[in-house]
C-alpha atoms as a PDB file:
ATOM      1  CA  MET A   1      29.009  32.043  43.880  1.00  0.00           C
ATOM      2  CA  GLN A   2      32.148  31.947  41.700  1.00  0.00           C
ATOM      3  CA  VAL A   3      33.187  29.507  39.136  1.00  0.00           C
ATOM      4  CA  ASN A   4      35.975  30.165  36.722  1.00  0.00           C
ATOM      5  CA  ILE A   5      34.474  30.150  33.084  1.00  0.00           C
ATOM      6  CA  ASN A   6      37.342  30.173  29.820  1.00  0.00           C
ATOM      7  CA  GLY A   7      39.690  31.621  32.400  1.00  0.00           C
ATOM      8  CA  ILE A   8      37.598  34.282  34.401  1.00  0.00           C
ATOM      9  CA  GLU A   9      36.247  33.910  37.784  1.00  0.00           C
ATOM     10  CA  THR A  10      32.652  34.864  37.470  1.00  0.00           C
ATOM     11  CA  ARG A  11      30.096  35.580  39.696  1.00  0.00           C
ATOM     12  CA  TYR A  12      26.474  33.913  39.139  1.00  0.00           C
ATOM     13  CA  VAL A  13      22.892  33.544  41.149  1.00  0.00           C
ATOM     14  CA  LEU A  14      21.071  30.415  40.684  1.00  0.00           C
ATOM     15  CA  ALA A  15      17.473  29.869  42.064  1.00  0.00           C
ATOM     16  CA  ASN A  16      16.393  26.723  41.497  1.00  0.00           C
ATOM     17  CA  GLU A  17      13.345  26.071  44.063  1.00  0.00           C
ATOM     18  CA  GLY A  18      10.830  25.499  41.716  1.00  0.00           C
ATOM     19  CA  GLY A  19      12.930  23.242  39.892  1.00  0.00           C
ATOM     20  CA  GLY A  20      11.194  24.099  36.574  1.00  0.00           C
ATOM     21  CA  PRO A  21      13.688  24.493  33.376  1.00  0.00           C
ATOM     22  CA  TRP A  22      16.619  26.552  32.757  1.00  0.00           C
ATOM     23  CA  LEU A  23      15.407  30.348  32.399  1.00  0.00           C
ATOM     24  CA  THR A  24      19.100  32.792  31.848  1.00  0.00           C
ATOM     25  CA  PHE A  25      19.021  36.555  32.061  1.00  0.00           C
ATOM     26  CA  ILE A  26      21.964  38.466  30.411  1.00  0.00           C
ATOM     27  CA  HIS A  27      22.183  42.412  31.521  1.00  0.00           C
ATOM     28  CA  GLN A  28      23.218  45.650  29.697  1.00  0.00           C
ATOM     29  CA  LEU A  29      26.506  47.346  29.235  1.00  0.00           C
ATOM     30  CA  GLY A  30      27.913  48.890  32.453  1.00  0.00           C
ATOM     31  CA  GLY A  31      25.049  46.650  34.280  1.00  0.00           C
ATOM     32  CA  ASP A  32      25.081  43.499  37.119  1.00  0.00           C
ATOM     33  CA  LEU A  33      22.753  40.819  37.278  1.00  0.00           C
ATOM     34  CA  SER A  34      21.170  42.940  39.628  1.00  0.00           C
ATOM     35  CA  ILE A  35      19.177  44.579  37.255  1.00  0.00           C
ATOM     36  CA  TRP A  36      17.097  41.419  36.693  1.00  0.00           C
ATOM     37  CA  ASP A  37      16.592  41.001  40.742  1.00  0.00           C
ATOM     38  CA  GLN A  38      12.694  41.595  40.096  1.00  0.00           C
ATOM     39  CA  LEU A  39      12.119  39.706  37.396  1.00  0.00           C
ATOM     40  CA  ALA A  40      14.479  36.643  38.784  1.00  0.00           C
ATOM     41  CA  GLY A  41      11.918  36.475  42.066  1.00  0.00           C
ATOM     42  CA  TYR A  42       8.627  36.238  39.840  1.00  0.00           C
ATOM     43  CA  PHE A  43       9.900  33.642  37.656  1.00  0.00           C
ATOM     44  CA  ARG A  44      12.006  31.372  40.482  1.00  0.00           C
ATOM     45  CA  ASP A  45       9.004  29.604  41.562  1.00  0.00           C
ATOM     46  CA  ASP A  46       8.576  28.353  37.516  1.00  0.00           C
ATOM     47  CA  TYR A  47      11.792  28.046  36.894  1.00  0.00           C
ATOM     48  CA  THR A  48      16.073  27.617  37.490  1.00  0.00           C
ATOM     49  CA  VAL A  49      16.660  31.223  36.965  1.00  0.00           C
ATOM     50  CA  LEU A  50      19.926  31.696  36.428  1.00  0.00           C
ATOM     51  CA  ARG A  51      21.836  35.306  36.100  1.00  0.00           C
ATOM     52  CA  TYR A  52      25.315  36.174  36.042  1.00  0.00           C
ATOM     53  CA  ASP A  53      28.217  39.072  35.730  1.00  0.00           C
ATOM     54  CA  VAL A  54      29.350  39.111  31.766  1.00  0.00           C
ATOM     55  CA  ARG A  55      33.199  39.090  32.207  1.00  0.00           C
ATOM     56  CA  GLY A  56      34.432  42.908  33.064  1.00  0.00           C
ATOM     57  CA  HIS A  57      31.441  43.746  35.143  1.00  0.00           C
ATOM     58  CA  GLY A  58      29.851  43.474  38.199  1.00  0.00           C
ATOM     59  CA  GLU A  59      31.543  40.959  40.627  1.00  0.00           C
ATOM     60  CA  THR A  60      33.562  39.057  37.377  1.00  0.00           C
ATOM     61  CA  ALA A  61      36.581  39.948  35.990  1.00  0.00           C
ATOM     62  CA  VAL A  62      38.285  41.646  33.677  1.00  0.00           C
ATOM     63  CA  SER A  63      39.403  39.598  30.233  1.00  0.00           C
ATOM     64  CA  ASN A  64      43.463  39.688  30.261  1.00  0.00           C
ATOM     65  CA  GLU A  65      43.409  40.710  26.147  1.00  0.00           C
ATOM     66  CA  PRO A  66      40.539  42.023  23.602  1.00  0.00           C
ATOM     67  CA  PHE A  67      37.287  39.652  22.967  1.00  0.00           C
ATOM     68  CA  ALA A  68      34.159  39.743  20.291  1.00  0.00           C
ATOM     69  CA  VAL A  69      30.404  39.180  21.447  1.00  0.00           C
ATOM     70  CA  ALA A  70      31.228  35.760  20.131  1.00  0.00           C
ATOM     71  CA  ASP A  71      33.393  35.441  22.679  1.00  0.00           C
ATOM     72  CA  LEU A  72      30.267  36.733  25.569  1.00  0.00           C
ATOM     73  CA  ALA A  73      28.439  33.610  23.793  1.00  0.00           C
ATOM     74  CA  GLY A  74      30.925  31.264  24.790  1.00  0.00           C
ATOM     75  CA  ASP A  75      31.234  32.389  28.165  1.00  0.00           C
ATOM     76  CA  LEU A  76      27.758  31.662  28.784  1.00  0.00           C
ATOM     77  CA  ALA A  77      28.033  28.007  26.962  1.00  0.00           C
ATOM     78  CA  ALA A  78      30.941  27.362  30.058  1.00  0.00           C
ATOM     79  CA  LEU A  79      28.577  28.553  32.659  1.00  0.00           C
ATOM     80  CA  LEU A  80      25.702  26.062  31.200  1.00  0.00           C
ATOM     81  CA  ASP A  81      27.906  23.429  30.409  1.00  0.00           C
ATOM     82  CA  ALA A  82      29.490  23.683  34.323  1.00  0.00           C
ATOM     83  CA  LEU A  83      26.124  24.183  35.900  1.00  0.00           C
ATOM     84  CA  GLY A  84      24.415  20.941  33.979  1.00  0.00           C
ATOM     85  CA  ALA A  85      21.952  22.726  31.635  1.00  0.00           C
ATOM     86  CA  PRO A  86      21.407  21.077  28.935  1.00  0.00           C
ATOM     87  CA  SER A  87      19.433  24.138  26.919  1.00  0.00           C
ATOM     88  CA  THR A  88      17.153  27.118  28.346  1.00  0.00           C
ATOM     89  CA  HIS A  89      14.924  29.924  28.068  1.00  0.00           C
ATOM     90  CA  LEU A  90      17.647  33.107  27.114  1.00  0.00           C
ATOM     91  CA  VAL A  91      16.663  36.790  27.678  1.00  0.00           C
ATOM     92  CA  GLY A  92      19.150  39.469  27.143  1.00  0.00           C
ATOM     93  CA  MET A  93      18.800  43.211  27.493  1.00  0.00           C
ATOM     94  CA  SER A  94      21.081  45.447  25.677  1.00  0.00           C
ATOM     95  CA  MET A  95      24.299  44.353  25.079  1.00  0.00           C
ATOM     96  CA  GLY A  96      22.810  40.994  26.806  1.00  0.00           C
ATOM     97  CA  GLY A  97      20.492  40.951  23.983  1.00  0.00           C
ATOM     98  CA  MET A  98      23.377  41.223  21.291  1.00  0.00           C
ATOM     99  CA  ILE A  99      24.786  37.911  23.596  1.00  0.00           C
ATOM    100  CA  ALA A 100      21.464  36.254  23.112  1.00  0.00           C
ATOM    101  CA  GLN A 101      21.650  36.630  19.338  1.00  0.00           C
ATOM    102  CA  GLN A 102      25.049  35.376  19.092  1.00  0.00           C
ATOM    103  CA  PHE A 103      24.720  32.210  21.838  1.00  0.00           C
ATOM    104  CA  ALA A 104      21.300  31.612  19.579  1.00  0.00           C
ATOM    105  CA  LEU A 105      23.576  31.375  16.469  1.00  0.00           C
ATOM    106  CA  ASP A 106      26.415  29.197  17.952  1.00  0.00           C
ATOM    107  CA  HIS A 107      24.138  27.413  20.283  1.00  0.00           C
ATOM    108  CA  LEU A 108      20.619  27.157  18.552  1.00  0.00           C
ATOM    109  CA  SER A 109      19.899  23.244  19.975  1.00  0.00           C
ATOM    110  CA  ARG A 110      20.790  24.869  23.497  1.00  0.00           C
ATOM    111  CA  VAL A 111      17.953  27.327  23.412  1.00  0.00           C
ATOM    112  CA  ASP A 112      14.551  27.019  23.748  1.00  0.00           C
ATOM    113  CA  THR A 113      13.236  30.325  23.319  1.00  0.00           C
ATOM    114  CA  LEU A 114      15.023  33.754  22.568  1.00  0.00           C
ATOM    115  CA  THR A 115      13.836  37.204  24.215  1.00  0.00           C
ATOM    116  CA  ILE A 116      15.781  40.066  23.009  1.00  0.00           C
ATOM    117  CA  ALA A 117      14.976  43.642  24.631  1.00  0.00           C
ATOM    118  CA  ASP A 118      16.669  46.838  23.372  1.00  0.00           C
ATOM    119  CA  SER A 119      18.413  45.674  21.083  1.00  0.00           C
ATOM    120  CA  THR A 120      20.219  45.577  17.943  1.00  0.00           C
ATOM    121  CA  ALA A 121      21.530  43.159  15.395  1.00  0.00           C
ATOM    122  CA  ALA A 122      24.915  45.482  14.326  1.00  0.00           C
ATOM    123  CA  ASN A 123      26.559  48.194  14.881  1.00  0.00           C
ATOM    124  CA  LEU A 124      26.500  49.959  12.036  1.00  0.00           C
ATOM    125  CA  PRO A 125      30.423  51.995  11.090  1.00  0.00           C
ATOM    126  CA  GLU A 126      29.455  55.305  11.440  1.00  0.00           C
ATOM    127  CA  ALA A 127      28.341  54.930  15.119  1.00  0.00           C
ATOM    128  CA  ARG A 128      32.021  53.330  15.724  1.00  0.00           C
ATOM    129  CA  ALA A 129      33.450  56.557  16.741  1.00  0.00           C
ATOM    130  CA  THR A 130      31.107  56.576  19.539  1.00  0.00           C
ATOM    131  CA  TRP A 131      31.636  53.442  21.186  1.00  0.00           C
ATOM    132  CA  ASP A 132      35.795  53.857  20.692  1.00  0.00           C
ATOM    133  CA  GLN A 133      34.858  57.679  22.599  1.00  0.00           C
ATOM    134  CA  ARG A 134      32.688  56.023  25.561  1.00  0.00           C
ATOM    135  CA  ALA A 135      35.454  53.474  26.039  1.00  0.00           C
ATOM    136  CA  ALA A 136      38.449  56.121  25.854  1.00  0.00           C
ATOM    137  CA  SER A 137      35.768  58.240  28.587  1.00  0.00           C
ATOM    138  CA  ALA A 138      35.931  55.431  30.615  1.00  0.00           C
ATOM    139  CA  ARG A 139      39.827  54.894  30.779  1.00  0.00           C
ATOM    140  CA  LYS A 140      40.198  58.252  30.865  1.00  0.00           C
ATOM    141  CA  ASP A 141      37.574  59.424  33.523  1.00  0.00           C
ATOM    142  CA  GLY A 142      36.225  56.989  35.059  1.00  0.00           C
ATOM    143  CA  MET A 143      32.687  56.007  35.148  1.00  0.00           C
ATOM    144  CA  GLU A 144      31.275  58.429  37.371  1.00  0.00           C
ATOM    145  CA  ALA A 145      31.723  60.775  34.304  1.00  0.00           C
ATOM    146  CA  LEU A 146      29.765  58.633  31.951  1.00  0.00           C
ATOM    147  CA  ALA A 147      27.319  58.128  34.427  1.00  0.00           C
ATOM    148  CA  PRO A 148      24.799  60.961  33.758  1.00  0.00           C
ATOM    149  CA  ALA A 149      24.240  60.482  30.089  1.00  0.00           C
ATOM    150  CA  THR A 150      24.139  56.724  30.672  1.00  0.00           C
ATOM    151  CA  LEU A 151      20.827  57.366  33.061  1.00  0.00           C
ATOM    152  CA  ASN A 152      19.665  59.659  30.867  1.00  0.00           C
ATOM    153  CA  ARG A 153      18.991  57.421  27.874  1.00  0.00           C
ATOM    154  CA  TRP A 154      19.010  54.378  29.803  1.00  0.00           C
ATOM    155  CA  LEU A 155      15.594  55.389  31.342  1.00  0.00           C
ATOM    156  CA  THR A 156      12.471  58.198  30.491  1.00  0.00           C
ATOM    157  CA  GLU A 157      12.634  61.415  33.018  1.00  0.00           C
ATOM    158  CA  THR A 158       9.569  60.763  34.179  1.00  0.00           C
ATOM    159  CA  PHE A 159      10.775  57.360  35.470  1.00  0.00           C
ATOM    160  CA  ARG A 160      14.243  58.647  36.988  1.00  0.00           C
ATOM    161  CA  ALA A 161      11.737  61.359  38.975  1.00  0.00           C
ATOM    162  CA  ALA A 162       9.324  59.255  39.921  1.00  0.00           C
ATOM    163  CA  HIS A 163      11.155  55.968  41.091  1.00  0.00           C
ATOM    164  CA  PRO A 164      14.824  57.380  42.822  1.00  0.00           C
ATOM    165  CA  GLU A 165      14.865  54.253  44.762  1.00  0.00           C
ATOM    166  CA  ALA A 166      14.893  51.671  41.546  1.00  0.00           C
ATOM    167  CA  VAL A 167      17.152  54.592  39.780  1.00  0.00           C
ATOM    168  CA  GLU A 168      20.311  54.558  42.766  1.00  0.00           C
ATOM    169  CA  PRO A 169      20.820  50.718  42.395  1.00  0.00           C
ATOM    170  CA  ILE A 170      21.106  51.120  38.031  1.00  0.00           C
ATOM    171  CA  ARG A 171      23.459  54.006  38.487  1.00  0.00           C
ATOM    172  CA  GLU A 172      25.547  52.895  41.593  1.00  0.00           C
ATOM    173  CA  ALA A 173      25.907  49.022  39.509  1.00  0.00           C
ATOM    174  CA  LEU A 174      26.967  51.991  36.311  1.00  0.00           C
ATOM    175  CA  THR A 175      29.977  53.449  38.550  1.00  0.00           C
ATOM    176  CA  ARG A 176      31.236  50.203  40.437  1.00  0.00           C
ATOM    177  CA  THR A 177      31.624  48.892  36.748  1.00  0.00           C
ATOM    178  CA  LEU A 178      35.978  48.208  35.974  1.00  0.00           C
ATOM    179  CA  PRO A 179      36.952  50.941  33.437  1.00  0.00           C
ATOM    180  CA  GLU A 180      39.083  48.599  31.504  1.00  0.00           C
ATOM    181  CA  GLY A 181      35.344  45.788  31.420  1.00  0.00           C
ATOM    182  CA  TYR A 182      33.420  48.602  30.107  1.00  0.00           C
ATOM    183  CA  ALA A 183      36.147  49.708  27.852  1.00  0.00           C
ATOM    184  CA  MET A 184      36.652  46.322  26.599  1.00  0.00           C
ATOM    185  CA  ALA A 185      33.452  45.383  26.432  1.00  0.00           C
ATOM    186  CA  CYS A 186      32.430  48.685  24.045  1.00  0.00           C
ATOM    187  CA  GLU A 187      35.036  47.359  21.642  1.00  0.00           C
ATOM    188  CA  ALA A 188      33.233  44.607  21.257  1.00  0.00           C
ATOM    189  CA  LEU A 189      30.082  46.079  20.660  1.00  0.00           C
ATOM    190  CA  ARG A 190      31.314  48.299  17.888  1.00  0.00           C
ATOM    191  CA  ASP A 191      32.140  45.134  16.071  1.00  0.00           C
ATOM    192  CA  PHE A 192      28.809  43.403  16.614  1.00  0.00           C
ATOM    193  CA  ASP A 193      26.788  42.695  13.044  1.00  0.00           C
ATOM    194  CA  VAL A 194      25.126  39.200  12.901  1.00  0.00           C
ATOM    195  CA  ARG A 195      22.100  40.762  10.470  1.00  0.00           C
ATOM    196  CA  SER A 196      23.326  38.538   7.788  1.00  0.00           C
ATOM    197  CA  LYS A 197      22.806  35.356   9.988  1.00  0.00           C
ATOM    198  CA  LEU A 198      19.735  35.981  11.959  1.00  0.00           C
ATOM    199  CA  GLY A 199      16.960  34.021   9.199  1.00  0.00           C
ATOM    200  CA  THR A 200      19.046  30.871  10.498  1.00  0.00           C
ATOM    201  CA  ILE A 201      17.582  31.097  14.160  1.00  0.00           C
ATOM    202  CA  ARG A 202      14.571  29.119  14.410  1.00  0.00           C
ATOM    203  CA  CYS A 203      13.444  29.319  18.292  1.00  0.00           C
ATOM    204  CA  PRO A 204      10.610  30.879  19.012  1.00  0.00           C
ATOM    205  CA  THR A 205      11.571  34.424  19.497  1.00  0.00           C
ATOM    206  CA  LEU A 206      10.210  37.388  21.454  1.00  0.00           C
ATOM    207  CA  VAL A 207      12.050  41.081  20.686  1.00  0.00           C
ATOM    208  CA  VAL A 208      10.883  43.909  23.227  1.00  0.00           C
ATOM    209  CA  ALA A 209      11.672  47.724  22.313  1.00  0.00           C
ATOM    210  CA  GLY A 210      11.066  50.843  24.421  1.00  0.00           C
ATOM    211  CA  HIS A 211       8.821  53.440  22.297  1.00  0.00           C
ATOM    212  CA  HIS A 212      11.561  56.553  23.935  1.00  0.00           C
ATOM    213  CA  ASP A 213      14.729  54.396  23.467  1.00  0.00           C
ATOM    214  CA  THR A 214      17.355  56.993  21.369  1.00  0.00           C
ATOM    215  CA  GLY A 215      20.247  54.745  21.649  1.00  0.00           C
ATOM    216  CA  THR A 216      18.582  51.656  20.563  1.00  0.00           C
ATOM    217  CA  PRO A 217      15.607  52.929  18.947  1.00  0.00           C
ATOM    218  CA  PRO A 218      12.891  50.719  18.718  1.00  0.00           C
ATOM    219  CA  ALA A 219      13.753  50.746  14.665  1.00  0.00           C
ATOM    220  CA  ALA A 220      16.443  48.245  15.734  1.00  0.00           C
ATOM    221  CA  SER A 221      14.873  45.949  17.315  1.00  0.00           C
ATOM    222  CA  GLN A 222      12.074  45.799  14.780  1.00  0.00           C
ATOM    223  CA  ALA A 223      14.724  44.655  12.382  1.00  0.00           C
ATOM    224  CA  ILE A 224      15.868  41.695  14.494  1.00  0.00           C
ATOM    225  CA  ALA A 225      12.242  40.534  14.617  1.00  0.00           C
ATOM    226  CA  ASP A 226      11.656  40.582  10.967  1.00  0.00           C
ATOM    227  CA  ALA A 227      14.745  38.797  10.125  1.00  0.00           C
ATOM    228  CA  ILE A 228      13.962  35.931  12.840  1.00  0.00           C
ATOM    229  CA  GLU A 229      10.683  33.685  10.908  1.00  0.00           C
ATOM    230  CA  GLY A 230       7.867  34.110  13.419  1.00  0.00           C
ATOM    231  CA  ALA A 231       9.175  36.319  16.050  1.00  0.00           C
ATOM    232  CA  GLN A 232       6.704  38.404  17.957  1.00  0.00           C
ATOM    233  CA  PHE A 233       7.874  42.136  18.772  1.00  0.00           C
ATOM    234  CA  GLU A 234       6.039  44.236  21.235  1.00  0.00           C
ATOM    235  CA  LEU A 235       6.531  47.972  22.206  1.00  0.00           C
ATOM    236  CA  LEU A 236       6.406  49.663  25.455  1.00  0.00           C
ATOM    237  CA  ASP A 237       6.512  52.966  26.827  1.00  0.00           C
ATOM    238  CA  ALA A 238      10.070  52.911  28.291  1.00  0.00           C
ATOM    239  CA  ALA A 239      13.324  53.996  27.295  1.00  0.00           C
ATOM    240  CA  HIS A 240      16.453  52.079  26.533  1.00  0.00           C
ATOM    241  CA  LEU A 241      16.058  49.163  29.921  1.00  0.00           C
ATOM    242  CA  ALA A 242      11.868  48.526  29.257  1.00  0.00           C
ATOM    243  CA  PRO A 243      12.433  45.380  31.007  1.00  0.00           C
ATOM    244  CA  VAL A 244      12.786  47.874  34.378  1.00  0.00           C
ATOM    245  CA  GLU A 245      11.113  50.213  33.496  1.00  0.00           C
ATOM    246  CA  GLN A 246       7.781  48.609  32.551  1.00  0.00           C
ATOM    247  CA  SER A 247       8.740  45.670  34.448  1.00  0.00           C
ATOM    248  CA  GLN A 248       5.249  44.279  35.406  1.00  0.00           C
ATOM    249  CA  ARG A 249       4.327  44.616  31.394  1.00  0.00           C
ATOM    250  CA  PHE A 250       7.010  42.852  30.973  1.00  0.00           C
ATOM    251  CA  ALA A 251       7.568  40.347  33.664  1.00  0.00           C
ATOM    252  CA  ALA A 252       3.100  39.350  32.126  1.00  0.00           C
ATOM    253  CA  LEU A 253       4.385  39.632  28.241  1.00  0.00           C
ATOM    254  CA  LEU A 254       7.744  37.238  28.936  1.00  0.00           C
ATOM    255  CA  GLU A 255       4.945  35.188  30.611  1.00  0.00           C
ATOM    256  CA  THR A 256       2.738  34.685  28.253  1.00  0.00           C
ATOM    257  CA  PHE A 257       5.885  33.377  25.476  1.00  0.00           C
ATOM    258  CA  LEU A 258       7.382  31.118  27.942  1.00  0.00           C
ATOM    259  CA  GLU A 259       3.919  29.363  28.637  1.00  0.00           C
ATOM    260  CA  ARG A 260       3.022  29.024  24.880  1.00  0.00           C
ATOM    261  CA  PRO A 261       2.998  25.823  22.810  1.00  0.00           C
ATOM    262  CA  VAL A 262       6.204  25.188  20.851  1.00  0.00           C
END
């Protein structure tokens, strides 16, 4: 389904067969809501599961002007408003984890629990050139040129060899991403830094990292957990897309986390 959010036509999928509490999933840079297909199916009987395409990704329109991660968090707030969701359990992976952190900082009363996978609280100044290079490459050469290196970072060689049926939809979502949408998101992530504010987050928090993640080393995710009082940290045998590569383990962790008393 489509809805206009902050002037941008936004695709979302809502599964509320269970009619339970809201559970929202936010995808990675260069992905779309389909990355959560399996997990959404797992939780849809007990939760009202929301997935959506971040601006410039999937079937959500590209922004007309530059934006920050705070604007992406504002998109989520407006989407929840449009759908009548007062609060939600929030799960974000990679870029989605940055949006989730920002949303928790800006709208903490609307976050029932916070789950962050394979993410960081800051992209450091020394990494600016990498983000600028990715943005320039997308604009100049298109997404196909970025795909091989990106998939190598996202998933271990063992998983890619054993599960081509899982890898191909991820590659397709990446290469379908509009280059300008990807590039503008790169520039937003380049400037992201909420390290000094994380200590103000006061909600149950689960942080998950992939042991073999070279793009966002586990230490970056561990730092998020260390900064949020009472946060739980889990390390999975995976690369950057740990919730995909270790889907059963991640689902079990998330299920247990969501059901614990608050």
